[in-house]
Amino acid sequence: MALGLPRTDSIHRQSYRAPAASTRSPLERSAGDQGRSRSRRTTPLPHAMKPSGLGVAAFSLAVAVLTGVPAHRPGHATAIGARERPAHSPLVALLSPPAGQEPDIRLVSRVVDRHFADRSRLCPGESATAAVPLPNDERRSVQEFLGPALLELQVHQMGDSFADFPAARDHLRALLRARPRAWTRFPNWAEGTPFRTWGLLGTVHYTGDRVGRLEAVGNHLCVADSTGVTWWARLEAVDLWPDAP
C-alpha cells in the first residue's frame, strides 16, 4: 500500500514506545451453535435424589477452591472461555476507544528539542541493536499494533514542509493506517532522516496516564508502545503489506 507520502532523501537509524482479545474461529462458533441447537430429553430425578440448595452451594465452593474459578452465582452468567481472555480493569475498558476508532491527534505546541532543525536521527539513545526484528505476520496496522489503550497523539514540533497542522495530522493518520511487514528495536535503514523538512516530534498518550515518544520523518516512524518499549518502522511502499492479501 503506497501512502503517497513524501520520501526523505536520506535516512539513518533510531527509536520511541498490547494485543487484541482472542476470539473463537468461525469453525468453533459453528460447532458451538450446532451443539446448542440439539434438543436433549432429560429424565427428572426423584425428589430424594435432587441436590439441595446447600449441597449445590457447597459443591460450587469446593470447585472454586480447587480450580480457582469463582463459583457461579444465580443471575450472573459466565462467558465460555472467559478465563482464557486477558483481564482488563473496568477503567481501562471504559477509557479505551472503541475498536477501529482512530485516536485524536492534537497540536500542542512546545519545544521538545531546541536542535530540531538539525536533527537527522529518530529517537536517539533508545535503540536496542541486539534485538531481532519483530515480523508483523498478522498484518496489523500501526494503530492496531499500539493497541486499544492508545487514546491520543500530540504534535509538538513540525518541519517546514508541512503547510499547516491539518497537513501534519493527515500525514500521521496515513502512518497509523500503514501495515509494516516488520518492526525493529532500532532504525533499520541506511538513509538519513532530516527533521527540518518533513520531521514531526510528539507524544503518544495511553490509558493510565502513560506517555511515550513519537517521532516521524516522511515515511519513517519511531514510537513507544503502552509498555514503554520503543519501536521503529520504515513505511515506504516496499516495506508494507498490500491492502488485499
Foldseek 3Di string as FASTA:
>chain_A
DALPWDDDPFQAKFAKAEADWDDDDPVVVVVVVVVVVDDDDDDDDPPVPDDDPVRLVVVQVVCCVVPVDHRDDPPDDDDPPPVVTDDDDPQLVVQFDPPPDDAAEEEDADDPDPCQQVDWYPHPPQADVVDDKAFLVVQAFQLNVLHRQWHYKYWHDAAPQQPDVVSVVVQVVSNRRFRFRIKHRMGPGGTIARRNHGKIWIWIAGPPRAIMTWIDGTQWTWYGHRVTRIIIGRRHPVRTDDPPD
